[in-house]
Amino acid sequence: MKRNASAEWQGDLKTGKGTVSTESGVLNATQYSFGTRFETGTGTNPEELIAAGHAGCFTMALSAQLGNAGLVPQRLQTAATLTFEKLEAGWTVTGIHLEVNGRVPNADQAAWEKATAAAKAGCPISRLLNTTITMKATLEG
């Protein structure tokens, strides 16, 4: 299985601009720039897209882990916060924090913790990223 995306850039780093597109068409010439990456411009940026991908991947992995335990989630919600810092080596993704909330009928705290830990470790995007990934997972009553 292969997934495709593309980017195009015009101009220098600070005043130039670019677009990103995905094969599915969900992103179609979506704008990104220095301003959307390092300031508060309108558009997206690579780090935001990684955070979105990680949140989506983790949430699907969690649903699978819960299913393996015979549990069906009513609702799972994940927010991924990616930290991007300037280090001596240059700009670096230094961590991602997952904030997870779930409503899972018949799940106890032990089953929830086991499923979230397995999803965090097993999510393909978690395995891809060479950074520290932390998580807070809340099972709603």
C-alpha atoms as a PDB file:
ATOM      1  CA  MET A   1       0.000   0.000   0.000  1.00  0.00           C
ATOM      2  CA  LYS A   2       1.297   3.436  -0.875  1.00  0.00           C
ATOM      3  CA  ARG A   3      -0.159   6.861  -0.145  1.00  0.00           C
ATOM      4  CA  ASN A   4       0.811   9.955  -2.106  1.00  0.00           C
ATOM      5  CA  ALA A   5       1.023  13.645  -1.352  1.00  0.00           C
ATOM      6  CA  SER A   6       2.864  16.492  -3.008  1.00  0.00           C
ATOM      7  CA  ALA A   7       4.121  19.966  -2.238  1.00  0.00           C
ATOM      8  CA  GLU A   8       5.006  22.914  -4.427  1.00  0.00           C
ATOM      9  CA  TRP A   9       6.948  25.999  -3.317  1.00  0.00           C
ATOM     10  CA  GLN A  10       7.597  29.330  -4.999  1.00  0.00           C
ATOM     11  CA  GLY A  11      10.003  31.986  -3.762  1.00  0.00           C
ATOM     12  CA  ASP A  12      12.381  32.299  -0.862  1.00  0.00           C
ATOM     13  CA  LEU A  13      11.770  30.893   2.611  1.00  0.00           C
ATOM     14  CA  LYS A  14      10.358  33.954   4.355  1.00  0.00           C
ATOM     15  CA  THR A  15       8.272  35.558   1.604  1.00  0.00           C
ATOM     16  CA  GLY A  16       7.548  32.557  -0.589  1.00  0.00           C
ATOM     17  CA  LYS A  17       4.527  30.340  -0.429  1.00  0.00           C
ATOM     18  CA  GLY A  18       3.565  26.817  -1.195  1.00  0.00           C
ATOM     19  CA  THR A  19       0.741  24.351  -1.494  1.00  0.00           C
ATOM     20  CA  VAL A  20       0.269  20.759  -0.418  1.00  0.00           C
ATOM     21  CA  SER A  21      -2.061  18.266  -2.052  1.00  0.00           C
ATOM     22  CA  THR A  22      -3.053  14.679  -1.395  1.00  0.00           C
ATOM     23  CA  GLU A  23      -3.930  11.974  -3.870  1.00  0.00           C
ATOM     24  CA  SER A  24      -7.373  11.605  -2.262  1.00  0.00           C
ATOM     25  CA  GLY A  25      -8.101  15.279  -2.922  1.00  0.00           C
ATOM     26  CA  VAL A  26      -8.832  16.043   0.735  1.00  0.00           C
ATOM     27  CA  LEU A  27      -6.001  18.546   0.527  1.00  0.00           C
ATOM     28  CA  ASN A  28      -5.997  20.252  -2.845  1.00  0.00           C
ATOM     29  CA  ALA A  29      -3.444  23.024  -3.261  1.00  0.00           C
ATOM     30  CA  THR A  30      -3.806  23.835   0.450  1.00  0.00           C
ATOM     31  CA  GLN A  31      -1.698  26.896   1.264  1.00  0.00           C
ATOM     32  CA  TYR A  32       1.314  26.859   3.574  1.00  0.00           C
ATOM     33  CA  SER A  33       4.090  29.368   4.147  1.00  0.00           C
ATOM     34  CA  PHE A  34       6.682  30.606   6.600  1.00  0.00           C
ATOM     35  CA  GLY A  35       3.868  32.521   8.294  1.00  0.00           C
ATOM     36  CA  THR A  36       1.685  29.429   8.745  1.00  0.00           C
ATOM     37  CA  ARG A  37       4.624  27.474  10.105  1.00  0.00           C
ATOM     38  CA  PHE A  38       6.364  29.930  12.419  1.00  0.00           C
ATOM     39  CA  GLU A  39       3.775  32.671  12.952  1.00  0.00           C
ATOM     40  CA  THR A  40      -0.031  32.814  12.798  1.00  0.00           C
ATOM     41  CA  GLY A  41      -0.811  32.912   9.097  1.00  0.00           C
ATOM     42  CA  THR A  42      -3.787  31.303   7.393  1.00  0.00           C
ATOM     43  CA  GLY A  43      -3.077  27.841   6.067  1.00  0.00           C
ATOM     44  CA  THR A  44      -1.455  24.666   7.292  1.00  0.00           C
ATOM     45  CA  ASN A  45       2.084  23.494   8.030  1.00  0.00           C
ATOM     46  CA  PRO A  46       3.946  20.180   8.080  1.00  0.00           C
ATOM     47  CA  GLU A  47       3.848  19.888  11.877  1.00  0.00           C
ATOM     48  CA  GLU A  48       0.080  20.412  12.027  1.00  0.00           C
ATOM     49  CA  LEU A  49      -0.383  17.736   9.380  1.00  0.00           C
ATOM     50  CA  ILE A  50       1.811  15.306  11.343  1.00  0.00           C
ATOM     51  CA  ALA A  51      -0.213  16.001  14.504  1.00  0.00           C
ATOM     52  CA  ALA A  52      -3.473  15.383  12.613  1.00  0.00           C
ATOM     53  CA  GLY A  53      -2.118  12.172  11.129  1.00  0.00           C
ATOM     54  CA  HIS A  54      -0.924  10.968  14.514  1.00  0.00           C
ATOM     55  CA  ALA A  55      -4.262  11.745  16.189  1.00  0.00           C
ATOM     56  CA  GLY A  56      -6.159   9.896  13.474  1.00  0.00           C
ATOM     57  CA  CYS A  57      -3.837   6.897  13.419  1.00  0.00           C
ATOM     58  CA  PHE A  58      -3.754   6.553  17.201  1.00  0.00           C
ATOM     59  CA  THR A  59      -7.543   6.784  17.492  1.00  0.00           C
ATOM     60  CA  MET A  60      -8.038   4.029  14.916  1.00  0.00           C
ATOM     61  CA  ALA A  61      -5.403   1.885  16.660  1.00  0.00           C
ATOM     62  CA  LEU A  62      -7.195   2.420  19.976  1.00  0.00           C
ATOM     63  CA  SER A  63     -10.499   1.339  18.456  1.00  0.00           C
ATOM     64  CA  ALA A  64      -8.784  -1.836  17.218  1.00  0.00           C
ATOM     65  CA  GLN A  65      -7.223  -2.538  20.621  1.00  0.00           C
ATOM     66  CA  LEU A  66     -10.565  -2.087  22.351  1.00  0.00           C
ATOM     67  CA  GLY A  67     -12.192  -4.371  19.785  1.00  0.00           C
ATOM     68  CA  ASN A  68      -9.555  -7.030  20.498  1.00  0.00           C
ATOM     69  CA  ALA A  69     -10.675  -6.845  24.148  1.00  0.00           C
ATOM     70  CA  GLY A  70     -14.334  -7.285  23.161  1.00  0.00           C
ATOM     71  CA  LEU A  71     -15.150  -3.617  23.770  1.00  0.00           C
ATOM     72  CA  VAL A  72     -16.840  -1.217  21.353  1.00  0.00           C
ATOM     73  CA  PRO A  73     -16.203   2.476  21.928  1.00  0.00           C
ATOM     74  CA  GLN A  74     -19.160   4.814  21.842  1.00  0.00           C
ATOM     75  CA  ARG A  75     -16.800   7.749  21.252  1.00  0.00           C
ATOM     76  CA  LEU A  76     -13.051   8.275  21.123  1.00  0.00           C
ATOM     77  CA  GLN A  77     -11.526  11.721  20.869  1.00  0.00           C
ATOM     78  CA  THR A  78      -7.800  12.426  20.528  1.00  0.00           C
ATOM     79  CA  ALA A  79      -5.972  15.751  20.397  1.00  0.00           C
ATOM     80  CA  ALA A  80      -2.309  15.610  19.403  1.00  0.00           C
ATOM     81  CA  THR A  81      -0.039  18.499  20.402  1.00  0.00           C
ATOM     82  CA  LEU A  82       3.263  18.517  18.554  1.00  0.00           C
ATOM     83  CA  THR A  83       6.142  20.492  20.067  1.00  0.00           C
ATOM     84  CA  PHE A  84       8.511  22.080  17.538  1.00  0.00           C
ATOM     85  CA  GLU A  85      11.620  23.696  19.006  1.00  0.00           C
ATOM     86  CA  LYS A  86      14.777  25.306  17.718  1.00  0.00           C
ATOM     87  CA  LEU A  87      17.699  23.270  19.035  1.00  0.00           C
ATOM     88  CA  GLU A  88      21.403  23.539  18.337  1.00  0.00           C
ATOM     89  CA  ALA A  89      20.935  21.103  15.436  1.00  0.00           C
ATOM     90  CA  GLY A  90      18.051  23.200  14.020  1.00  0.00           C
ATOM     91  CA  TRP A  91      14.259  23.090  14.185  1.00  0.00           C
ATOM     92  CA  THR A  92      13.216  19.742  15.653  1.00  0.00           C
ATOM     93  CA  VAL A  93      10.019  17.966  16.605  1.00  0.00           C
ATOM     94  CA  THR A  94      10.806  17.297  20.253  1.00  0.00           C
ATOM     95  CA  GLY A  95       7.600  15.572  21.283  1.00  0.00           C
ATOM     96  CA  ILE A  96       3.958  14.820  20.741  1.00  0.00           C
ATOM     97  CA  HIS A  97       1.413  14.686  23.536  1.00  0.00           C
ATOM     98  CA  LEU A  98      -1.802  12.757  22.990  1.00  0.00           C
ATOM     99  CA  GLU A  99      -4.845  13.827  25.011  1.00  0.00           C
ATOM    100  CA  VAL A 100      -7.373  11.005  24.746  1.00  0.00           C
ATOM    101  CA  ASN A 101     -10.947  10.817  25.986  1.00  0.00           C
ATOM    102  CA  GLY A 102     -13.172   7.849  25.474  1.00  0.00           C
ATOM    103  CA  ARG A 103     -16.631   6.629  26.277  1.00  0.00           C
ATOM    104  CA  VAL A 104     -16.430   2.843  26.211  1.00  0.00           C
ATOM    105  CA  PRO A 105     -19.351   0.897  27.679  1.00  0.00           C
ATOM    106  CA  ASN A 106     -18.281  -1.985  29.947  1.00  0.00           C
ATOM    107  CA  ALA A 107     -14.618  -0.907  30.003  1.00  0.00           C
ATOM    108  CA  ASP A 108     -12.853  -0.753  33.323  1.00  0.00           C
ATOM    109  CA  GLN A 109      -9.776   1.362  34.021  1.00  0.00           C
ATOM    110  CA  ALA A 110      -7.378  -1.586  33.590  1.00  0.00           C
ATOM    111  CA  ALA A 111      -8.770  -2.476  30.138  1.00  0.00           C
ATOM    112  CA  TRP A 112      -8.663   1.193  29.117  1.00  0.00           C
ATOM    113  CA  GLU A 113      -5.049   1.623  30.205  1.00  0.00           C
ATOM    114  CA  LYS A 114      -3.985  -1.589  28.468  1.00  0.00           C
ATOM    115  CA  ALA A 115      -5.695  -0.566  25.210  1.00  0.00           C
ATOM    116  CA  THR A 116      -4.366   3.006  25.196  1.00  0.00           C
ATOM    117  CA  ALA A 117      -0.796   1.874  25.942  1.00  0.00           C
ATOM    118  CA  ALA A 118      -0.939  -0.752  23.186  1.00  0.00           C
ATOM    119  CA  ALA A 119      -2.386   1.765  20.710  1.00  0.00           C
ATOM    120  CA  LYS A 120       0.305   4.336  21.567  1.00  0.00           C
ATOM    121  CA  ALA A 121       3.064   1.761  21.057  1.00  0.00           C
ATOM    122  CA  GLY A 122       1.530   0.097  18.014  1.00  0.00           C
ATOM    123  CA  CYS A 123       0.156   2.983  15.969  1.00  0.00           C
ATOM    124  CA  PRO A 124       2.186   3.120  12.726  1.00  0.00           C
ATOM    125  CA  ILE A 125       2.649   6.884  13.026  1.00  0.00           C
ATOM    126  CA  SER A 126       3.913   6.500  16.618  1.00  0.00           C
ATOM    127  CA  ARG A 127       6.452   3.977  15.330  1.00  0.00           C
ATOM    128  CA  LEU A 128       7.450   6.301  12.483  1.00  0.00           C
ATOM    129  CA  LEU A 129       8.232   9.313  14.641  1.00  0.00           C
ATOM    130  CA  ASN A 130      11.651   9.571  16.257  1.00  0.00           C
ATOM    131  CA  THR A 131      10.504  11.633  19.216  1.00  0.00           C
ATOM    132  CA  THR A 132       9.120  11.332  22.709  1.00  0.00           C
ATOM    133  CA  ILE A 133       5.405  10.635  22.723  1.00  0.00           C
ATOM    134  CA  THR A 134       3.484  11.252  25.946  1.00  0.00           C
ATOM    135  CA  MET A 135      -0.187  10.701  26.622  1.00  0.00           C
ATOM    136  CA  LYS A 136      -3.003  11.419  29.057  1.00  0.00           C
ATOM    137  CA  ALA A 137      -5.947   9.078  28.563  1.00  0.00           C
ATOM    138  CA  THR A 138      -9.267   9.645  30.315  1.00  0.00           C
ATOM    139  CA  LEU A 139     -12.051   7.061  30.391  1.00  0.00           C
ATOM    140  CA  GLU A 140     -15.337   8.834  30.843  1.00  0.00           C
ATOM    141  CA  GLY A 141     -17.912   7.376  33.200  1.00  0.00           C
END
